[in-house]
Amino acid sequence: MTPETKRFLRNRKLQAIVPWFGIAGLLVLMFSAFMSGFPLFLTEIGFVANLYYWTDEYNWIVQRILFNDDHIIDKKKEHLQKILLNVAIIGAIITTILLGYLRSQNFIFFSCALGIISGSYFTSRLLENFLWIIKITFTDFKKYYLLIADFTIVGTLILTILMLINKIAFIVALVVVGLLYVLEKDIISEMKKRNSKNEAGYDCIE
């Protein structure tokens, strides 16, 4: 086993332990819902979702920037991993503190902030999935990441403005973003099944 492969495996340990944290988190959430009621249950889901968003964003960027086609870390970009990890940790801490403060003030404030964070996360995924569906590729990955970043920022600003102007429009926008995300995932899944059938002669069950 090469040193590069070992580094790759060590990095993937994070994904190996995340499901166990998820199971423990679900048990805590179920216990909280039973003992303390629905508001605390929703609050804990919000904090867990926030941490998940940052963890998933970190993994998303690492997989697309640091690893080559053979899933081996590119040594020239290896220094970026620590920077990305620090940014993800700092971002998670800041948003967690902000959510905690808003929850202490008002549950509505907490929900709105979580809605913006969730909307920002799913907005970035919307463009990525859309580009995959229409099969647009980029030879310059810098332009690809800048496009997704710009789209995410604009989407987040729109959600923030809607939240300040009209809460109902804000909720509708979040629902639309969520439905579009689910629709895109279904389309991608169906396209992958069709591609597998065309290439291998049978349906692919994911």
Foldseek 3Di string as FASTA:
>chain_A
DDPQVVVLVVVCVVVVCVVVVVVVLVVVLVVCCVPPHDLVSVLSVLLVVLLVLLVVVLVVCCQVPQADPVSTGDPVCVVVNVVSVVVSVVVSVVLNVVLVVLVVVDSVSNVLSSLLSVQLSLQLVLVVLVCVLVVPDDPDVVVVVVVSVVRSVVRSVVLVVCVVPPVVVSVVVSVVSVVSSVVSVVSVQVVVQVVCCVVPVHGDDD
